[in-house]
N, C-alpha and C. Protein backbone atom coordinates (compact mmCIF):
# COMPACT_ATOMS: atom_id res chain seq x y z
N UNK A 1 -19.91 46.49 35.90
CA UNK A 1 -18.58 48.09 35.08
C UNK A 1 -18.64 47.54 34.07
N UNK A 2 -19.47 48.46 32.94
CA UNK A 2 -19.18 48.52 31.97
C UNK A 2 -17.32 48.59 31.47
N UNK A 3 -17.39 48.10 30.40
CA UNK A 3 -15.67 48.57 29.93
C UNK A 3 -16.05 49.80 29.09
N UNK A 4 -14.59 50.75 29.34
CA UNK A 4 -14.54 51.84 28.67
C UNK A 4 -13.59 52.16 27.59
N UNK A 5 -12.53 50.77 27.28
CA UNK A 5 -12.11 50.66 26.34
C UNK A 5 -12.34 50.21 25.31
N UNK A 6 -11.80 50.82 23.93
CA UNK A 6 -12.29 50.31 22.89
C UNK A 6 -11.40 49.60 22.42
N UNK A 7 -11.95 47.97 22.54
CA UNK A 7 -10.96 46.76 21.69
C UNK A 7 -11.35 46.53 20.33
N UNK A 8 -11.99 47.06 19.66
CA UNK A 8 -11.92 46.54 18.21
C UNK A 8 -11.67 47.84 16.75
N UNK A 9 -11.85 47.50 16.14
CA UNK A 9 -11.57 48.31 14.63
C UNK A 9 -11.91 47.67 13.87
N UNK A 10 -12.80 48.75 12.77
CA UNK A 10 -13.45 48.08 12.10
C UNK A 10 -13.13 49.02 10.66
N UNK A 11 -12.96 48.14 9.45
CA UNK A 11 -12.58 48.89 8.33
C UNK A 11 -14.28 48.99 7.49
N UNK A 12 -15.07 49.53 7.49
CA UNK A 12 -16.16 50.19 6.63
C UNK A 12 -15.89 50.51 5.35
N UNK A 13 -15.63 49.19 4.59
CA UNK A 13 -15.20 49.35 3.45
C UNK A 13 -16.33 49.61 2.16
N UNK A 14 -16.26 50.11 0.98
CA UNK A 14 -17.03 50.51 -0.12
C UNK A 14 -17.00 49.14 -0.62
N UNK A 15 -16.68 48.06 -0.60
CA UNK A 15 -16.16 46.61 -1.44
C UNK A 15 -16.49 45.74 -0.54
N UNK A 16 -15.16 45.73 0.76
CA UNK A 16 -15.03 44.74 1.79
C UNK A 16 -14.96 45.64 2.99
N UNK A 17 -15.63 44.81 4.11
CA UNK A 17 -15.25 45.39 5.27
C UNK A 17 -14.81 44.68 5.93
N UNK A 18 -14.09 44.91 6.80
CA UNK A 18 -13.53 43.84 8.50
C UNK A 18 -13.07 44.28 10.03
N UNK A 19 -13.31 43.26 10.39
CA UNK A 19 -13.37 43.85 12.09
C UNK A 19 -11.93 43.20 12.84
N UNK A 20 -11.16 43.59 13.83
CA UNK A 20 -10.42 43.14 14.25
C UNK A 20 -10.04 44.09 15.60
N UNK A 21 -9.66 43.23 16.65
CA UNK A 21 -9.09 43.50 17.65
C UNK A 21 -7.83 42.97 18.41
N UNK A 22 -7.26 43.68 19.50
CA UNK A 22 -5.74 43.61 20.07
C UNK A 22 -6.39 43.00 21.43
N UNK A 23 -4.81 41.89 20.83
CA UNK A 23 -5.11 40.37 22.00
C UNK A 23 -3.74 40.47 22.38
N UNK A 24 -3.34 40.88 23.67
CA UNK A 24 -2.15 40.40 24.31
C UNK A 24 -1.17 41.78 22.85
N UNK A 25 -1.26 42.69 22.98
CA UNK A 25 -0.68 43.40 21.93
C UNK A 25 -0.38 42.84 20.66
N UNK A 26 -1.25 42.46 20.26
CA UNK A 26 -0.84 41.70 18.72
C UNK A 26 -2.81 42.45 18.42
N UNK A 27 -2.61 42.74 16.80
CA UNK A 27 -3.88 42.39 16.21
C UNK A 27 -4.49 40.90 15.89
N UNK A 28 -5.22 41.08 16.01
CA UNK A 28 -6.15 39.63 15.46
C UNK A 28 -7.35 39.91 14.55
N UNK A 29 -7.95 40.05 13.24
CA UNK A 29 -8.55 39.68 12.50
C UNK A 29 -9.27 38.67 12.77
N UNK A 30 -10.70 38.99 12.79
CA UNK A 30 -11.79 38.62 13.06
C UNK A 30 -12.74 37.76 11.93
N UNK A 31 -12.27 36.54 11.81
CA UNK A 31 -13.26 36.11 10.54
C UNK A 31 -14.48 36.13 10.83
N UNK A 32 -14.47 36.23 8.73
CA UNK A 32 -16.23 35.84 8.95
C UNK A 32 -17.21 33.82 9.19
N UNK A 33 -18.05 34.37 9.37
CA UNK A 33 -18.66 33.14 10.20
C UNK A 33 -19.24 31.88 9.13
N UNK A 34 -19.16 32.45 7.95
CA UNK A 34 -19.47 31.34 6.86
C UNK A 34 -18.46 31.25 6.38
N UNK A 35 -17.68 31.74 5.78
CA UNK A 35 -16.35 31.45 4.98
C UNK A 35 -14.66 30.92 5.88
N UNK A 36 -14.85 32.16 7.01
CA UNK A 36 -13.92 32.17 7.55
C UNK A 36 -12.95 33.19 6.36
N UNK A 37 -13.34 33.79 6.65
CA UNK A 37 -12.23 35.23 5.42
C UNK A 37 -12.13 36.45 5.96
N UNK A 38 -11.07 36.90 5.94
CA UNK A 38 -10.32 38.46 6.81
C UNK A 38 -11.87 39.20 6.09
N UNK A 39 -12.46 39.50 5.35
CA UNK A 39 -13.56 40.71 4.99
C UNK A 39 -14.58 39.87 4.52
N UNK A 40 -15.68 40.89 4.77
CA UNK A 40 -16.96 40.36 4.38
C UNK A 40 -17.10 41.34 3.40
N UNK A 41 -17.87 40.69 2.04
CA UNK A 41 -18.39 41.83 1.16
C UNK A 41 -19.30 42.68 2.13
N UNK A 42 -19.31 44.21 1.39
CA UNK A 42 -20.34 45.37 2.06
C UNK A 42 -21.40 45.37 0.42
N UNK A 43 -22.06 43.81 1.08
CA UNK A 43 -23.32 44.18 0.58
C UNK A 43 -24.22 43.98 0.92
N UNK A 44 -25.84 43.91 0.75
CA UNK A 44 -26.59 44.04 1.67
C UNK A 44 -27.55 43.16 1.03
N UNK A 45 -28.43 42.31 1.12
CA UNK A 45 -30.03 41.93 0.71
C UNK A 45 -30.76 41.38 1.40
N UNK A 46 -32.03 41.49 0.70
CA UNK A 46 -33.33 41.06 1.85
C UNK A 46 -33.83 40.43 0.59
N UNK A 47 -34.75 39.04 1.63
CA UNK A 47 -35.17 38.26 0.68
C UNK A 47 -36.65 37.99 1.04
N UNK A 48 -37.51 37.50 0.34
CA UNK A 48 -39.22 37.80 0.16
C UNK A 48 -39.69 38.35 1.54
N UNK A 49 -39.06 37.34 2.83
CA UNK A 49 -39.80 37.31 3.86
C UNK A 49 -39.07 38.44 4.95
N UNK A 50 -38.29 39.37 4.17
CA UNK A 50 -37.74 40.51 4.98
C UNK A 50 -36.08 40.22 5.46
N UNK A 51 -36.09 39.51 5.39
CA UNK A 51 -34.79 38.88 6.27
C UNK A 51 -33.49 39.55 5.85
N UNK A 52 -32.97 40.05 6.71
CA UNK A 52 -31.16 40.86 5.77
C UNK A 52 -30.13 39.91 5.74
N UNK A 53 -29.32 39.68 4.96
CA UNK A 53 -28.47 39.05 4.47
C UNK A 53 -27.61 40.05 3.77
N UNK A 54 -26.09 40.17 4.81
CA UNK A 54 -25.02 40.33 4.59
C UNK A 54 -23.67 39.51 4.36
N UNK A 55 -22.60 40.26 3.42
CA UNK A 55 -22.31 39.20 2.54
C UNK A 55 -22.07 38.57 1.63
N UNK A 56 -21.11 37.62 1.81
CA UNK A 56 -21.04 36.53 0.65
C UNK A 56 -22.59 35.96 0.57
N UNK A 57 -23.96 36.00 1.40
CA UNK A 57 -25.09 35.74 0.91
C UNK A 57 -25.53 36.91 -0.33
N UNK A 58 -25.33 37.86 0.55
CA UNK A 58 -26.28 38.97 -0.30
C UNK A 58 -25.18 39.17 -1.88
N UNK A 59 -24.08 38.99 -1.83
CA UNK A 59 -23.00 38.94 -2.96
C UNK A 59 -24.06 37.88 -3.97
N UNK A 60 -24.30 37.31 -3.62
CA UNK A 60 -24.87 35.61 -4.55
C UNK A 60 -26.36 35.92 -4.80
N UNK A 61 -27.27 36.66 -4.26
CA UNK A 61 -28.44 37.26 -4.41
C UNK A 61 -28.28 38.44 -5.51
N UNK A 62 -27.39 39.37 -5.44
CA UNK A 62 -27.04 40.41 -6.41
C UNK A 62 -26.34 40.01 -7.46
N UNK A 63 -25.63 38.71 -7.92
CA UNK A 63 -25.33 38.32 -8.45
C UNK A 63 -26.01 37.22 -9.61
N UNK A 64 -27.06 36.67 -8.90
CA UNK A 64 -28.20 36.39 -9.07
C UNK A 64 -28.98 37.09 -9.85
N UNK A 65 -29.51 38.43 -9.41
CA UNK A 65 -30.15 39.61 -10.00
C UNK A 65 -29.27 39.95 -11.14
N UNK A 66 -27.99 40.32 -11.75
CA UNK A 66 -27.48 40.82 -12.48
C UNK A 66 -27.62 39.37 -13.67
N UNK A 67 -27.54 38.43 -13.27
CA UNK A 67 -27.84 37.20 -14.39
C UNK A 67 -29.24 37.63 -15.02
N UNK A 68 -30.24 37.14 -14.21
CA UNK A 68 -31.42 37.68 -14.55
C UNK A 68 -31.56 38.68 -15.26
N UNK A 69 -31.20 39.85 -14.98
CA UNK A 69 -31.37 41.05 -15.77
C UNK A 69 -31.07 40.84 -17.50
N UNK A 70 -29.92 40.36 -17.15
CA UNK A 70 -29.15 39.84 -18.41
C UNK A 70 -30.11 39.16 -19.82
N UNK A 71 -30.60 38.50 -19.30
CA UNK A 71 -32.02 36.98 -19.43
C UNK A 71 -33.24 38.54 -19.88
N UNK A 72 -33.37 38.93 -18.56
CA UNK A 72 -34.72 40.34 -19.27
C UNK A 72 -34.74 40.78 -18.37
N UNK A 73 -34.13 42.28 -19.62
CA UNK A 73 -33.71 43.74 -18.98
C UNK A 73 -35.31 44.21 -18.38
N UNK A 74 -36.15 43.56 -18.47
CA UNK A 74 -37.18 44.64 -18.24
C UNK A 74 -37.44 43.81 -16.58
N UNK A 75 -36.60 43.32 -15.97
CA UNK A 75 -36.99 42.61 -14.66
C UNK A 75 -36.25 43.48 -13.45
N UNK A 76 -37.22 43.87 -12.62
CA UNK A 76 -36.61 45.02 -11.92
C UNK A 76 -36.99 44.64 -10.49
N UNK A 77 -36.65 43.72 -9.94
CA UNK A 77 -36.53 43.05 -8.34
C UNK A 77 -35.76 43.29 -8.12
N UNK A 78 -35.25 43.63 -7.73
CA UNK A 78 -33.98 44.02 -6.34
C UNK A 78 -33.87 44.42 -5.39
N UNK A 79 -33.51 43.86 -4.20
CA UNK A 79 -33.27 43.49 -2.82
C UNK A 79 -32.16 43.47 -2.72
N UNK A 80 -30.70 43.58 -3.58
CA UNK A 80 -29.74 43.68 -3.23
C UNK A 80 -29.18 44.74 -3.39
N UNK A 81 -27.49 45.36 -2.33
CA UNK A 81 -26.86 46.58 -2.70
C UNK A 81 -25.59 46.25 -2.79
N UNK A 82 -25.04 47.22 -3.47
CA UNK A 82 -23.77 47.12 -2.75
C UNK A 82 -23.12 48.62 -3.52
N UNK A 83 -21.95 48.87 -2.90
CA UNK A 83 -21.07 50.05 -3.14
C UNK A 83 -21.94 51.03 -2.71
N UNK A 84 -23.00 50.98 -1.66
CA UNK A 84 -23.74 52.30 -1.05
C UNK A 84 -22.81 53.14 -0.17
N UNK A 85 -21.55 52.97 0.34
CA UNK A 85 -20.81 53.90 0.93
C UNK A 85 -20.47 55.16 0.02
N UNK A 86 -20.39 55.03 -1.53
CA UNK A 86 -20.26 55.99 -1.93
C UNK A 86 -21.10 57.49 -2.28
N UNK A 87 -22.57 57.04 -1.03
CA UNK A 87 -23.66 57.87 -1.38
C UNK A 87 -24.02 58.21 0.04
N UNK A 88 -22.43 57.88 0.99
CA UNK A 88 -22.93 58.31 2.48
C UNK A 88 -23.13 59.89 2.76
N UNK A 89 -24.14 60.25 3.54
CA UNK A 89 -24.48 61.93 3.76
C UNK A 89 -25.39 62.00 3.11
N UNK A 90 -25.71 61.59 1.36
CA UNK A 90 -26.27 61.99 0.64
C UNK A 90 -27.38 61.99 0.09
N UNK A 91 -28.51 61.97 0.05
CA UNK A 91 -29.54 62.48 -0.57
C UNK A 91 -30.71 60.98 -1.19
N UNK A 92 -29.27 60.50 -1.25
CA UNK A 92 -29.34 58.65 -2.40
C UNK A 92 -30.19 58.16 -1.18
N UNK A 93 -31.65 57.40 -2.21
CA UNK A 93 -32.30 56.30 -1.43
C UNK A 93 -32.14 55.09 -2.60
N UNK A 94 -32.48 53.84 -1.72
CA UNK A 94 -31.91 52.98 -2.36
C UNK A 94 -33.73 52.35 -1.92
N UNK A 95 -34.60 52.13 -3.47
CA UNK A 95 -35.83 51.31 -2.88
C UNK A 95 -35.49 50.37 -2.76
N UNK A 96 -36.57 49.27 -1.79
CA UNK A 96 -36.39 47.88 -1.65
C UNK A 96 -38.03 47.65 -1.66
N UNK A 97 -38.44 46.67 -2.87
CA UNK A 97 -39.07 46.17 -2.49
C UNK A 97 -39.96 45.66 -1.65
N UNK A 98 -38.79 44.33 -1.33
CA UNK A 98 -39.39 43.29 -0.31
C UNK A 98 -39.47 44.44 1.04
N UNK A 99 -39.39 45.14 1.32
CA UNK A 99 -39.80 45.91 2.75
C UNK A 99 -40.70 46.87 2.61
N UNK A 100 -41.08 47.25 1.07
CA UNK A 100 -41.81 48.60 0.85
C UNK A 100 -41.63 50.21 1.04
N UNK A 101 -40.12 49.72 1.69
CA UNK A 101 -39.58 51.74 1.54
C UNK A 101 -38.04 51.66 1.33
N UNK A 102 -37.79 53.02 1.23
CA UNK A 102 -36.92 53.25 0.80
C UNK A 102 -35.38 53.09 1.66
N UNK A 103 -34.33 52.65 1.31
CA UNK A 103 -33.05 52.71 2.47
C UNK A 103 -32.05 53.53 2.31
N UNK A 104 -31.48 54.17 3.25
CA UNK A 104 -30.62 55.42 2.98
C UNK A 104 -29.11 54.63 2.87
N UNK A 105 -27.99 54.86 2.53
CA UNK A 105 -26.55 54.57 2.68
C UNK A 105 -26.33 54.42 4.25
N UNK A 106 -26.64 54.60 4.64
CA UNK A 106 -26.16 54.70 6.46
C UNK A 106 -27.03 53.36 6.92
N UNK A 107 -28.08 53.41 6.62
CA UNK A 107 -29.10 52.23 7.10
C UNK A 107 -28.27 50.61 6.45
N UNK A 108 -28.04 50.97 5.33
CA UNK A 108 -27.52 49.17 4.35
C UNK A 108 -25.99 49.23 5.30
N UNK A 109 -25.23 50.42 5.38
CA UNK A 109 -23.90 50.01 6.39
C UNK A 109 -24.02 50.15 7.28
N UNK A 110 -25.13 50.49 8.45
CA UNK A 110 -25.63 49.76 9.53
C UNK A 110 -25.58 48.10 9.88
N UNK A 111 -25.78 47.52 8.75
CA UNK A 111 -26.31 46.65 8.71
C UNK A 111 -25.11 45.86 8.11
N UNK A 112 -23.74 46.27 7.76
CA UNK A 112 -22.93 45.83 7.55
C UNK A 112 -21.74 45.74 8.73
N UNK A 113 -21.89 46.70 9.48
CA UNK A 113 -21.26 46.81 10.49
C UNK A 113 -21.88 45.98 11.78
N UNK A 114 -23.93 45.71 11.86
CA UNK A 114 -23.92 45.14 12.75
C UNK A 114 -23.53 43.24 12.58
N UNK A 115 -23.27 42.82 11.02
CA UNK A 115 -22.67 42.07 10.53
C UNK A 115 -21.40 41.79 11.33
N UNK A 116 -21.03 42.15 11.48
CA UNK A 116 -19.26 42.72 11.47
C UNK A 116 -19.07 42.18 12.76
N UNK A 117 -19.89 43.24 14.03
CA UNK A 117 -19.58 42.68 15.38
C UNK A 117 -20.35 41.51 15.55
N UNK A 118 -21.43 40.73 14.72
CA UNK A 118 -21.97 38.95 15.36
C UNK A 118 -20.43 38.41 15.04
N UNK A 119 -19.85 38.80 14.55
CA UNK A 119 -18.97 37.48 14.58
C UNK A 119 -17.84 38.03 15.90
N UNK A 120 -17.94 38.10 15.96
CA UNK A 120 -17.33 38.42 18.16
C UNK A 120 -18.11 37.79 19.04
N UNK A 121 -17.81 36.26 19.49
CA UNK A 121 -18.24 35.81 20.23
C UNK A 121 -18.26 35.30 21.78
N UNK A 122 -17.16 35.82 21.96
CA UNK A 122 -16.89 36.05 23.06
C UNK A 122 -17.01 37.42 23.89
N UNK A 123 -17.23 38.45 23.09
CA UNK A 123 -17.06 39.82 24.12
C UNK A 123 -18.55 40.42 23.24
N UNK A 124 -19.41 41.50 24.06
CA UNK A 124 -20.27 42.41 23.26
C UNK A 124 -19.57 43.66 22.66
N UNK A 125 -19.75 43.92 21.72
CA UNK A 125 -18.96 45.22 21.15
C UNK A 125 -19.84 46.07 21.07
N UNK A 126 -19.71 46.88 21.95
CA UNK A 126 -20.38 47.96 21.87
C UNK A 126 -19.67 49.42 21.18
N UNK A 127 -18.47 49.19 21.26
CA UNK A 127 -17.63 50.20 20.90
C UNK A 127 -16.19 49.70 20.09
N UNK A 128 -16.61 51.06 19.04
CA UNK A 128 -15.11 50.52 18.08
C UNK A 128 -14.34 52.02 17.30
N UNK A 129 -13.47 51.50 16.81
CA UNK A 129 -12.88 52.65 15.78
C UNK A 129 -12.84 52.64 14.56
N UNK A 130 -14.00 52.57 13.78
CA UNK A 130 -13.83 53.21 12.54
C UNK A 130 -13.38 53.75 11.64
N UNK A 131 -12.97 53.44 10.53
CA UNK A 131 -12.28 54.00 10.06
C UNK A 131 -13.00 54.50 8.47
N UNK A 132 -12.54 55.59 7.97
CA UNK A 132 -13.08 56.41 7.10
C UNK A 132 -11.99 56.94 5.95
N UNK A 133 -12.48 56.78 4.45
CA UNK A 133 -11.39 57.26 3.50
C UNK A 133 -10.69 58.80 3.58
N UNK A 134 -10.09 59.45 3.42
CA UNK A 134 -9.16 60.88 4.02
C UNK A 134 -9.58 61.93 2.95
N UNK A 135 -10.54 61.31 2.32
CA UNK A 135 -11.10 62.52 0.71
C UNK A 135 -12.68 62.24 1.75
N UNK A 136 -13.29 61.56 2.66
CA UNK A 136 -14.21 61.77 3.24
C UNK A 136 -14.36 63.78 3.56
N UNK A 137 -15.72 63.84 3.13
CA UNK A 137 -16.10 65.30 3.66
C UNK A 137 -16.78 65.32 5.15
N UNK A 138 -16.50 66.33 5.34
CA UNK A 138 -17.43 66.19 7.02
C UNK A 138 -19.00 65.25 6.96
N UNK A 139 -19.69 66.02 5.80
CA UNK A 139 -21.40 65.31 6.20
C UNK A 139 -20.82 63.77 5.78
N UNK A 140 -19.53 63.39 5.24
CA UNK A 140 -20.05 62.11 5.13
C UNK A 140 -19.29 60.95 6.11
N UNK A 141 -18.53 61.87 6.97
CA UNK A 141 -17.90 61.17 8.48
C UNK A 141 -18.96 60.83 9.13
N UNK A 142 -20.04 62.33 9.01
CA UNK A 142 -21.15 62.19 10.34
C UNK A 142 -21.95 60.68 10.30
N UNK A 143 -21.98 61.05 8.56
CA UNK A 143 -23.07 59.93 8.08
C UNK A 143 -22.56 58.73 8.32
N UNK A 144 -20.80 58.05 8.33
CA UNK A 144 -20.37 57.02 8.71
C UNK A 144 -20.69 56.79 10.17
N UNK A 145 -20.82 58.13 11.02
CA UNK A 145 -21.04 57.85 12.83
C UNK A 145 -22.31 57.46 13.02
N UNK A 146 -23.45 58.03 12.16
CA UNK A 146 -24.91 57.68 12.12
C UNK A 146 -24.97 56.12 11.98
N UNK A 147 -24.29 55.68 10.74
CA UNK A 147 -24.49 54.12 10.53
C UNK A 147 -23.83 53.77 11.80
N UNK A 148 -22.82 53.67 12.45
CA UNK A 148 -22.38 53.15 13.81
C UNK A 148 -23.27 53.12 14.80
N UNK A 149 -24.39 54.59 14.56
CA UNK A 149 -25.15 54.51 15.91
C UNK A 149 -26.36 53.60 15.60
N UNK A 150 -26.98 53.56 14.16
CA UNK A 150 -27.52 52.33 14.09
C UNK A 150 -27.68 51.21 14.27
N UNK A 151 -26.26 50.97 14.31
CA UNK A 151 -25.70 49.80 14.69
C UNK A 151 -25.84 49.05 16.43
N UNK A 152 -25.61 50.13 16.69
CA UNK A 152 -25.95 50.04 18.31
C UNK A 152 -24.26 49.99 18.70
N UNK A 153 -23.43 50.82 17.95
CA UNK A 153 -21.99 50.88 18.01
C UNK A 153 -21.55 52.54 18.65
N UNK A 154 -21.39 52.61 19.87
CA UNK A 154 -20.36 54.12 20.03
C UNK A 154 -19.44 53.84 19.39
N UNK A 155 -18.61 54.69 18.55
CA UNK A 155 -17.34 54.79 17.65
C UNK A 155 -16.37 56.22 17.74
N UNK A 156 -15.37 56.06 17.67
CA UNK A 156 -14.10 56.99 17.35
C UNK A 156 -13.95 56.51 15.89
N UNK A 157 -14.01 57.65 15.28
CA UNK A 157 -13.65 57.98 13.65
C UNK A 157 -12.43 58.26 13.07
N UNK A 158 -11.78 57.69 12.43
CA UNK A 158 -10.10 58.07 11.96
C UNK A 158 -9.56 57.58 10.12
N UNK A 159 -9.43 58.65 10.09
CA UNK A 159 -9.35 58.48 8.38
C UNK A 159 -8.07 57.39 8.28
N UNK A 160 -8.42 56.90 6.94
CA UNK A 160 -7.37 55.39 6.58
C UNK A 160 -6.40 55.94 7.10
N UNK A 161 -5.58 56.62 6.41
CA UNK A 161 -3.93 56.54 5.95
C UNK A 161 -3.33 57.21 7.39
N UNK A 162 -3.96 57.77 8.60
CA UNK A 162 -3.87 57.56 10.05
C UNK A 162 -3.96 56.16 10.55
N UNK A 163 -5.16 55.70 10.70
CA UNK A 163 -5.23 53.94 10.72
C UNK A 163 -3.87 53.52 10.61
N UNK A 164 -3.71 53.31 9.04
CA UNK A 164 -2.61 52.66 8.26
C UNK A 164 -0.68 52.91 9.43
N UNK A 165 -1.00 54.31 9.14
CA UNK A 165 -0.10 54.18 9.77
C UNK A 165 0.24 53.84 11.26
N UNK A 166 -0.70 54.36 12.58
CA UNK A 166 -1.06 53.35 13.87
C UNK A 166 -0.73 51.79 13.30
N UNK A 167 -1.25 51.01 12.46
CA UNK A 167 -0.90 49.57 12.12
C UNK A 167 0.73 49.53 12.22
N UNK A 168 1.02 50.35 10.97
CA UNK A 168 2.48 49.89 10.93
C UNK A 168 3.33 49.90 11.94
N UNK A 169 2.57 51.15 12.78
CA UNK A 169 3.84 51.15 14.21
C UNK A 169 3.53 50.50 15.40
N UNK A 170 2.56 49.64 15.16
CA UNK A 170 2.28 48.74 16.45
C UNK A 170 3.24 47.69 16.94
N UNK A 171 3.81 47.11 14.85
CA UNK A 171 5.20 46.04 15.04
C UNK A 171 6.14 46.73 14.61
N UNK A 172 6.60 47.87 14.12
CA UNK A 172 7.51 48.21 14.26
C UNK A 172 8.33 48.57 15.41
N UNK A 173 9.62 47.71 14.85
CA UNK A 173 10.61 47.27 15.97
C UNK A 173 11.67 48.69 16.42
N UNK A 174 11.72 49.95 15.66
CA UNK A 174 12.97 51.04 15.34
C UNK A 174 11.36 52.07 15.85
N UNK A 175 11.59 52.62 16.53
CA UNK A 175 10.08 53.87 16.94
C UNK A 175 10.89 55.54 16.54
N UNK A 176 12.78 55.44 16.33
CA UNK A 176 13.27 56.77 16.34
C UNK A 176 13.00 57.02 14.41
N UNK A 177 12.87 58.28 14.61
CA UNK A 177 12.97 59.02 13.07
C UNK A 177 11.33 59.53 12.47
N UNK A 178 11.23 60.08 11.78
CA UNK A 178 9.78 60.71 11.34
C UNK A 178 8.94 59.86 10.68
N UNK A 179 7.76 60.54 10.52
CA UNK A 179 6.65 59.38 9.62
C UNK A 179 6.03 61.04 9.04
N UNK A 180 6.04 60.17 7.49
CA UNK A 180 4.75 61.09 6.89
C UNK A 180 3.87 60.31 6.34
N UNK A 181 2.47 61.02 6.35
CA UNK A 181 1.33 60.29 5.78
C UNK A 181 1.04 60.75 5.06
N UNK A 182 0.57 60.02 3.48
CA UNK A 182 -0.15 60.95 2.12
C UNK A 182 -1.51 60.07 1.78
């Protein structure tokens, strides 16, 4: 019998992303596999063999490319991508020389989601709540859902201010009164 309860929350960020779970009523941030950090850089790269790297390794590749570009302005081989979330839902494409095709922001975001999902060792992550910026338009929210689908995740989407208020309320001692989210 498969689980129907969503036990994971994902912050799919422009710069960094994270995954957390609820355990015994407490939020547990799941650490990255390489450096045991709370967040993973939202960066994706492809090596010469087409292997995908996500996170810190991809940032290293991107920084190496930027250093090469400073030394040789004509250097054009770059298969490392960051800040692609800004283009979610738009027609923007990222050309990959090593893969021989272009990539959408949704495809790159899906790689970040797959990496976050891989940090969970004891459970298969099939579903998650994924946050999106409050200013996202509907087409950008739909693109976030598409990225989750490409990553093999069923998702519920919630905007970040609401997610923050819910997170605050999890450990609040006094639930009387009114909340304002802006």
